[in-house]
Amino acid sequence: MEEPQVYVFLVIGAICMLIASLFAGNAEWVLGTTTASFYGTLAIAFVLMLAAGIFLVSAAKIVCK
């Protein structure tokens, strides 16, 4: 049986990727949007994508020991 840590990392990675894609997909320059809020949203989405990648690669590394 595999370690439960693999499944935890997969779920956390998937959740981070879901939230990042929601942020990046809804970021839109409309009336009332400030430069800081627009680029801040994109930066948060980027960091969440990086975190998702780290979790997914860590899960793959545990499986391929």
PDB file of N, CA and C in Angstrom:
ATOM      1  N   MET A   1       0.839  -1.190   0.000  1.00  0.00           N
ATOM      2  CA  MET A   1       0.000   0.000   0.000  1.00  0.00           C
ATOM      3  C   MET A   1       0.878   1.246   0.000  1.00  0.00           C
ATOM      4  N   GLU A   2       0.450   2.232  -0.737  1.00  0.00           N
ATOM      5  CA  GLU A   2       1.226   3.452  -0.856  1.00  0.00           C
ATOM      6  C   GLU A   2       1.058   4.329   0.378  1.00  0.00           C
ATOM      7  N   GLU A   3       1.975   5.246   0.496  1.00  0.00           N
ATOM      8  CA  GLU A   3       1.916   6.159   1.633  1.00  0.00           C
ATOM      9  C   GLU A   3       0.753   7.131   1.452  1.00  0.00           C
ATOM     10  N   PRO A   4       0.043   7.437   2.530  1.00  0.00           N
ATOM     11  CA  PRO A   4      -1.066   8.401   2.413  1.00  0.00           C
ATOM     12  C   PRO A   4      -0.585   9.814   2.095  1.00  0.00           C
ATOM     13  N   GLN A   5       0.700  10.076   2.308  1.00  0.00           N
ATOM     14  CA  GLN A   5       1.261  11.401   2.028  1.00  0.00           C
ATOM     15  C   GLN A   5       1.147  11.737   0.538  1.00  0.00           C
ATOM     16  N   VAL A   6       1.234  10.716  -0.309  1.00  0.00           N
ATOM     17  CA  VAL A   6       1.124  10.935  -1.755  1.00  0.00           C
ATOM     18  C   VAL A   6      -0.244  11.512  -2.090  1.00  0.00           C
ATOM     19  N   TYR A   7      -1.281  10.943  -1.532  1.00  0.00           N
ATOM     20  CA  TYR A   7      -2.644  11.409  -1.819  1.00  0.00           C
ATOM     21  C   TYR A   7      -2.891  12.801  -1.264  1.00  0.00           C
ATOM     22  N   VAL A   8      -2.323  13.091  -0.116  1.00  0.00           N
ATOM     23  CA  VAL A   8      -2.460  14.437   0.466  1.00  0.00           C
ATOM     24  C   VAL A   8      -1.795  15.461  -0.445  1.00  0.00           C
ATOM     25  N   PHE A   9      -0.587  15.146  -0.946  1.00  0.00           N
ATOM     26  CA  PHE A   9       0.109  16.065  -1.844  1.00  0.00           C
ATOM     27  C   PHE A   9      -0.653  16.244  -3.150  1.00  0.00           C
ATOM     28  N   LEU A  10      -1.239  15.182  -3.677  1.00  0.00           N
ATOM     29  CA  LEU A  10      -2.015  15.290  -4.912  1.00  0.00           C
ATOM     30  C   LEU A  10      -3.241  16.170  -4.720  1.00  0.00           C
ATOM     31  N   VAL A  11      -3.925  16.011  -3.607  1.00  0.00           N
ATOM     32  CA  VAL A  11      -5.127  16.813  -3.345  1.00  0.00           C
ATOM     33  C   VAL A  11      -4.752  18.283  -3.142  1.00  0.00           C
ATOM     34  N   ILE A  12      -3.709  18.547  -2.373  1.00  0.00           N
ATOM     35  CA  ILE A  12      -3.289  19.936  -2.143  1.00  0.00           C
ATOM     36  C   ILE A  12      -2.847  20.578  -3.452  1.00  0.00           C
ATOM     37  N   GLY A  13      -2.094  19.839  -4.264  1.00  0.00           N
ATOM     38  CA  GLY A  13      -1.657  20.359  -5.562  1.00  0.00           C
ATOM     39  C   GLY A  13      -2.824  20.656  -6.478  1.00  0.00           C
ATOM     40  N   ALA A  14      -3.825  19.788  -6.488  1.00  0.00           N
ATOM     41  CA  ALA A  14      -4.992  20.002  -7.339  1.00  0.00           C
ATOM     42  C   ALA A  14      -5.794  21.213  -6.871  1.00  0.00           C
ATOM     43  N   ILE A  15      -5.920  21.377  -5.568  1.00  0.00           N
ATOM     44  CA  ILE A  15      -6.660  22.531  -5.030  1.00  0.00           C
ATOM     45  C   ILE A  15      -5.929  23.838  -5.344  1.00  0.00           C
ATOM     46  N   CYS A  16      -4.603  23.837  -5.187  1.00  0.00           N
ATOM     47  CA  CYS A  16      -3.830  25.038  -5.525  1.00  0.00           C
ATOM     48  C   CYS A  16      -3.971  25.381  -7.001  1.00  0.00           C
ATOM     49  N   MET A  17      -3.935  24.366  -7.864  1.00  0.00           N
ATOM     50  CA  MET A  17      -4.064  24.616  -9.290  1.00  0.00           C
ATOM     51  C   MET A  17      -5.469  25.113  -9.646  1.00  0.00           C
ATOM     52  N   LEU A  18      -6.477  24.572  -8.981  1.00  0.00           N
ATOM     53  CA  LEU A  18      -7.852  25.018  -9.220  1.00  0.00           C
ATOM     54  C   LEU A  18      -8.026  26.485  -8.847  1.00  0.00           C
ATOM     55  N   ILE A  19      -7.546  26.856  -7.671  1.00  0.00           N
ATOM     56  CA  ILE A  19      -7.690  28.242  -7.218  1.00  0.00           C
ATOM     57  C   ILE A  19      -6.891  29.191  -8.120  1.00  0.00           C
ATOM     58  N   ALA A  20      -5.686  28.775  -8.506  1.00  0.00           N
ATOM     59  CA  ALA A  20      -4.863  29.612  -9.384  1.00  0.00           C
ATOM     60  C   ALA A  20      -5.522  29.811 -10.738  1.00  0.00           C
ATOM     61  N   SER A  21      -6.112  28.764 -11.285  1.00  0.00           N
ATOM     62  CA  SER A  21      -6.759  28.909 -12.585  1.00  0.00           C
ATOM     63  C   SER A  21      -8.024  29.756 -12.480  1.00  0.00           C
ATOM     64  N   LEU A  22      -8.723  29.678 -11.357  1.00  0.00           N
ATOM     65  CA  LEU A  22      -9.884  30.546 -11.158  1.00  0.00           C
ATOM     66  C   LEU A  22      -9.465  32.008 -11.102  1.00  0.00           C
ATOM     67  N   PHE A  23      -8.399  32.299 -10.370  1.00  0.00           N
ATOM     68  CA  PHE A  23      -7.908  33.680 -10.275  1.00  0.00           C
ATOM     69  C   PHE A  23      -7.438  34.182 -11.637  1.00  0.00           C
ATOM     70  N   ALA A  24      -6.619  33.401 -12.313  1.00  0.00           N
ATOM     71  CA  ALA A  24      -6.052  33.843 -13.589  1.00  0.00           C
ATOM     72  C   ALA A  24      -7.125  33.945 -14.669  1.00  0.00           C
ATOM     73  N   GLY A  25      -8.095  33.072 -14.629  1.00  0.00           N
ATOM     74  CA  GLY A  25      -9.144  33.102 -15.640  1.00  0.00           C
ATOM     75  C   GLY A  25     -10.115  34.253 -15.475  1.00  0.00           C
ATOM     76  N   ASN A  26     -10.265  34.729 -14.254  1.00  0.00           N
ATOM     77  CA  ASN A  26     -11.211  35.817 -14.001  1.00  0.00           C
ATOM     78  C   ASN A  26     -10.544  37.185 -13.900  1.00  0.00           C
ATOM     79  N   ALA A  27      -9.229  37.232 -14.008  1.00  0.00           N
ATOM     80  CA  ALA A  27      -8.533  38.521 -13.974  1.00  0.00           C
ATOM     81  C   ALA A  27      -8.839  39.275 -15.258  1.00  0.00           C
ATOM     82  N   GLU A  28      -9.412  40.443 -15.118  1.00  0.00           N
ATOM     83  CA  GLU A  28      -9.855  41.199 -16.277  1.00  0.00           C
ATOM     84  C   GLU A  28      -9.688  42.684 -15.995  1.00  0.00           C
ATOM     85  N   TRP A  29      -9.218  43.403 -16.987  1.00  0.00           N
ATOM     86  CA  TRP A  29      -9.033  44.847 -16.828  1.00  0.00           C
ATOM     87  C   TRP A  29     -10.339  45.543 -17.201  1.00  0.00           C
ATOM     88  N   VAL A  30     -11.112  45.922 -16.190  1.00  0.00           N
ATOM     89  CA  VAL A  30     -12.391  46.599 -16.408  1.00  0.00           C
ATOM     90  C   VAL A  30     -12.367  47.935 -15.676  1.00  0.00           C
ATOM     91  N   LEU A  31     -13.437  48.672 -15.814  1.00  0.00           N
ATOM     92  CA  LEU A  31     -13.534  49.970 -15.155  1.00  0.00           C
ATOM     93  C   LEU A  31     -13.464  49.795 -13.636  1.00  0.00           C
ATOM     94  N   GLY A  32     -12.575  50.500 -12.996  1.00  0.00           N
ATOM     95  CA  GLY A  32     -12.425  50.414 -11.555  1.00  0.00           C
ATOM     96  C   GLY A  32     -11.293  49.510 -11.110  1.00  0.00           C
ATOM     97  N   THR A  33     -10.674  48.784 -12.033  1.00  0.00           N
ATOM     98  CA  THR A  33      -9.557  47.913 -11.687  1.00  0.00           C
ATOM     99  C   THR A  33      -8.290  48.745 -11.573  1.00  0.00           C
ATOM    100  N   THR A  34      -7.595  48.589 -10.469  1.00  0.00           N
ATOM    101  CA  THR A  34      -6.331  49.291 -10.317  1.00  0.00           C
ATOM    102  C   THR A  34      -5.201  48.418 -10.838  1.00  0.00           C
ATOM    103  N   THR A  35      -4.105  49.058 -11.145  1.00  0.00           N
ATOM    104  CA  THR A  35      -2.944  48.323 -11.631  1.00  0.00           C
ATOM    105  C   THR A  35      -2.446  47.340 -10.587  1.00  0.00           C
ATOM    106  N   ALA A  36      -2.435  47.763  -9.342  1.00  0.00           N
ATOM    107  CA  ALA A  36      -1.942  46.906  -8.267  1.00  0.00           C
ATOM    108  C   ALA A  36      -2.830  45.677  -8.066  1.00  0.00           C
ATOM    109  N   SER A  37      -4.130  45.860  -8.142  1.00  0.00           N
ATOM    110  CA  SER A  37      -5.019  44.718  -7.924  1.00  0.00           C
ATOM    111  C   SER A  37      -4.948  43.730  -9.085  1.00  0.00           C
ATOM    112  N   PHE A  38      -4.827  44.230 -10.312  1.00  0.00           N
ATOM    113  CA  PHE A  38      -4.749  43.343 -11.467  1.00  0.00           C
ATOM    114  C   PHE A  38      -3.473  42.517 -11.436  1.00  0.00           C
ATOM    115  N   TYR A  39      -2.345  43.178 -11.281  1.00  0.00           N
ATOM    116  CA  TYR A  39      -1.074  42.457 -11.267  1.00  0.00           C
ATOM    117  C   TYR A  39      -0.887  41.656  -9.983  1.00  0.00           C
ATOM    118  N   GLY A  40      -1.497  42.114  -8.900  1.00  0.00           N
ATOM    119  CA  GLY A  40      -1.453  41.335  -7.666  1.00  0.00           C
ATOM    120  C   GLY A  40      -2.185  40.010  -7.803  1.00  0.00           C
ATOM    121  N   THR A  41      -3.331  40.039  -8.477  1.00  0.00           N
ATOM    122  CA  THR A  41      -4.081  38.806  -8.725  1.00  0.00           C
ATOM    123  C   THR A  41      -3.286  37.849  -9.591  1.00  0.00           C
ATOM    124  N   LEU A  42      -2.642  38.381 -10.616  1.00  0.00           N
ATOM    125  CA  LEU A  42      -1.821  37.526 -11.474  1.00  0.00           C
ATOM    126  C   LEU A  42      -0.617  36.963 -10.720  1.00  0.00           C
ATOM    127  N   ALA A  43      -0.046  37.750  -9.815  1.00  0.00           N
ATOM    128  CA  ALA A  43       1.086  37.266  -9.022  1.00  0.00           C
ATOM    129  C   ALA A  43       0.649  36.156  -8.064  1.00  0.00           C
ATOM    130  N   ILE A  44      -0.510  36.322  -7.457  1.00  0.00           N
ATOM    131  CA  ILE A  44      -1.030  35.277  -6.562  1.00  0.00           C
ATOM    132  C   ILE A  44      -1.296  34.004  -7.343  1.00  0.00           C
ATOM    133  N   ALA A  45      -1.866  34.126  -8.532  1.00  0.00           N
ATOM    134  CA  ALA A  45      -2.125  32.951  -9.368  1.00  0.00           C
ATOM    135  C   ALA A  45      -0.813  32.263  -9.750  1.00  0.00           C
ATOM    136  N   PHE A  46       0.199  33.051 -10.067  1.00  0.00           N
ATOM    137  CA  PHE A  46       1.502  32.479 -10.426  1.00  0.00           C
ATOM    138  C   PHE A  46       2.126  31.725  -9.263  1.00  0.00           C
ATOM    139  N   VAL A  47       2.075  32.300  -8.082  1.00  0.00           N
ATOM    140  CA  VAL A  47       2.639  31.644  -6.896  1.00  0.00           C
ATOM    141  C   VAL A  47       1.869  30.362  -6.569  1.00  0.00           C
ATOM    142  N   LEU A  48       0.556  30.390  -6.718  1.00  0.00           N
ATOM    143  CA  LEU A  48      -0.232  29.183  -6.476  1.00  0.00           C
ATOM    144  C   LEU A  48       0.080  28.096  -7.499  1.00  0.00           C
ATOM    145  N   MET A  49       0.323  28.463  -8.747  1.00  0.00           N
ATOM    146  CA  MET A  49       0.727  27.476  -9.758  1.00  0.00           C
ATOM    147  C   MET A  49       2.083  26.869  -9.413  1.00  0.00           C
ATOM    148  N   LEU A  50       2.998  27.700  -8.938  1.00  0.00           N
ATOM    149  CA  LEU A  50       4.298  27.176  -8.522  1.00  0.00           C
ATOM    150  C   LEU A  50       4.151  26.213  -7.342  1.00  0.00           C
ATOM    151  N   ALA A  51       3.322  26.576  -6.378  1.00  0.00           N
ATOM    152  CA  ALA A  51       3.095  25.704  -5.222  1.00  0.00           C
ATOM    153  C   ALA A  51       2.446  24.389  -5.660  1.00  0.00           C
ATOM    154  N   ALA A  52       1.507  24.454  -6.589  1.00  0.00           N
ATOM    155  CA  ALA A  52       0.868  23.240  -7.093  1.00  0.00           C
ATOM    156  C   ALA A  52       1.895  22.344  -7.767  1.00  0.00           C
ATOM    157  N   GLY A  53       2.779  22.931  -8.542  1.00  0.00           N
ATOM    158  CA  GLY A  53       3.831  22.150  -9.192  1.00  0.00           C
ATOM    159  C   GLY A  53       4.752  21.487  -8.199  1.00  0.00           C
ATOM    160  N   ILE A  54       5.092  22.192  -7.133  1.00  0.00           N
ATOM    161  CA  ILE A  54       5.964  21.611  -6.106  1.00  0.00           C
ATOM    162  C   ILE A  54       5.281  20.430  -5.440  1.00  0.00           C
ATOM    163  N   PHE A  55       4.003  20.570  -5.125  1.00  0.00           N
ATOM    164  CA  PHE A  55       3.281  19.464  -4.492  1.00  0.00           C
ATOM    165  C   PHE A  55       3.160  18.263  -5.430  1.00  0.00           C
ATOM    166  N   LEU A  56       2.876  18.504  -6.704  1.00  0.00           N
ATOM    167  CA  LEU A  56       2.710  17.404  -7.642  1.00  0.00           C
ATOM    168  C   LEU A  56       4.033  16.699  -7.919  1.00  0.00           C
ATOM    169  N   VAL A  57       5.114  17.448  -8.028  1.00  0.00           N
ATOM    170  CA  VAL A  57       6.419  16.833  -8.232  1.00  0.00           C
ATOM    171  C   VAL A  57       6.849  16.060  -6.989  1.00  0.00           C
ATOM    172  N   SER A  58       6.539  16.584  -5.817  1.00  0.00           N
ATOM    173  CA  SER A  58       6.865  15.864  -4.586  1.00  0.00           C
ATOM    174  C   SER A  58       6.110  14.544  -4.489  1.00  0.00           C
ATOM    175  N   ALA A  59       4.853  14.552  -4.900  1.00  0.00           N
ATOM    176  CA  ALA A  59       4.082  13.313  -4.886  1.00  0.00           C
ATOM    177  C   ALA A  59       4.663  12.304  -5.859  1.00  0.00           C
ATOM    178  N   ALA A  60       5.093  12.776  -7.027  1.00  0.00           N
ATOM    179  CA  ALA A  60       5.685  11.875  -8.017  1.00  0.00           C
ATOM    180  C   ALA A  60       7.012  11.319  -7.524  1.00  0.00           C
ATOM    181  N   LYS A  61       7.769  12.136  -6.803  1.00  0.00           N
ATOM    182  CA  LYS A  61       9.067  11.680  -6.295  1.00  0.00           C
ATOM    183  C   LYS A  61       8.878  10.611  -5.223  1.00  0.00           C
ATOM    184  N   ILE A  62       7.844  10.746  -4.398  1.00  0.00           N
ATOM    185  CA  ILE A  62       7.579   9.740  -3.370  1.00  0.00           C
ATOM    186  C   ILE A  62       7.197   8.407  -4.016  1.00  0.00           C
ATOM    187  N   VAL A  63       6.398   8.473  -5.077  1.00  0.00           N
ATOM    188  CA  VAL A  63       5.963   7.246  -5.744  1.00  0.00           C
ATOM    189  C   VAL A  63       7.117   6.551  -6.439  1.00  0.00           C
ATOM    190  N   CYS A  64       8.034   7.318  -7.012  1.00  0.00           N
ATOM    191  CA  CYS A  64       9.136   6.752  -7.810  1.00  0.00           C
ATOM    192  C   CYS A  64      10.381   6.475  -7.002  1.00  0.00           C
ATOM    193  N   LYS A  65      10.281   6.303  -5.711  1.00  0.00           N
ATOM    194  CA  LYS A  65      11.441   5.996  -4.882  1.00  0.00           C
ATOM    195  C   LYS A  65      12.094   4.712  -5.325  1.00  0.00           C
TER     196      LYS A  65
END
